[in-house]
Protein backbone atom coordinates (compact mmCIF):
# COMPACT_ATOMS: atom_id res chain seq x y z
CA MET A 1 129.70 37.27 119.82
CA ALA A 2 128.68 36.86 116.20
CA ASP A 3 126.46 39.41 114.50
CA LEU A 4 122.92 38.25 113.80
CA ILE A 5 121.05 39.18 110.65
CA CYS A 6 117.46 38.74 109.60
CA ILE A 7 117.16 36.33 106.69
CA LYS A 8 113.37 36.15 106.57
CA ASN A 9 110.29 38.02 107.80
CA CYS A 10 107.52 35.54 108.49
CA ASN A 11 103.80 36.23 108.73
CA ASN A 12 103.47 34.49 112.08
CA ARG A 13 105.39 32.63 114.79
CA VAL A 14 104.37 29.18 113.50
CA GLU A 15 105.92 29.84 110.08
CA ALA A 16 109.08 31.17 111.74
CA GLU A 17 109.37 28.19 114.12
CA LEU A 18 109.00 25.73 111.23
CA ALA A 19 111.78 27.50 109.32
CA LYS A 20 113.92 27.54 112.47
CA GLY A 21 113.45 23.79 112.87
CA LEU A 22 114.49 23.19 109.28
CA LEU A 23 117.63 25.29 109.77
CA GLU A 24 118.54 23.61 113.04
CA SER A 25 118.12 20.16 111.47
CA SER A 26 120.77 21.31 108.99
CA GLY A 27 123.13 22.40 111.77
CA ILE A 28 122.41 26.13 111.59
CA GLU A 29 121.53 27.95 114.80
CA ALA A 30 118.55 30.26 114.40
CA ILE A 31 116.53 32.61 116.59
CA VAL A 32 112.91 33.68 116.22
CA SER A 33 112.36 37.32 117.15
CA ALA A 34 108.82 38.64 117.56
CA ASP A 35 107.26 41.32 119.72
CA ASP A 36 104.17 39.26 120.51
CA CYS A 37 104.58 38.46 124.22
CA GLY A 38 105.97 35.00 123.56
CA GLY A 39 103.17 34.10 121.15
CA MET A 40 100.44 35.00 123.66
CA ARG A 41 99.41 38.16 121.79
CA PRO A 42 99.90 37.62 118.03
CA HIS A 43 97.79 40.69 117.24
CA LEU A 44 100.69 42.85 118.45
CA LEU A 45 102.52 41.96 115.22
CA LEU A 46 100.03 43.91 113.12
CA GLY A 47 101.72 46.90 111.54
CA THR A 48 105.23 45.57 112.20
CA ASN A 49 107.66 43.56 110.11
CA GLY A 50 106.15 40.41 111.57
CA THR A 51 108.24 37.65 113.05
CA ARG A 52 111.92 37.72 112.13
CA LEU A 53 114.19 34.72 111.62
CA LEU A 54 117.77 35.51 112.64
CA VAL A 55 121.02 33.63 111.99
CA LYS A 56 124.70 34.35 112.41
CA GLU A 57 126.00 36.51 109.59
CA GLU A 58 128.54 33.90 108.49
CA GLU A 59 125.79 31.25 108.19
CA ALA A 60 123.31 33.44 106.29
CA GLN A 61 124.12 32.17 102.80
CA LYS A 62 123.87 28.53 103.84
CA ALA A 63 120.60 29.27 105.67
CA LEU A 64 119.11 30.92 102.60
CA GLU A 65 120.08 27.88 100.52
CA VAL A 66 118.45 25.52 103.03
CA LEU A 67 115.24 27.58 102.98
CA GLU A 68 115.53 28.14 99.22
CA ILE A 69 114.69 31.82 99.50
């Protein structure tokens, strides 16, 4: 299994899901990781690193280029 790395911390799940969609439309698999009960309790993200966007380590550079970070 490939190692996953965080390429972006997003302020909320919506921002992360939009970025994920952009990556997936470019052929890059991405995962949204957030400790917010599946979006049902967004207030749980307060005081954390927010919502994380994860990709395979070998696709990180391409993902960053797609997102222009």
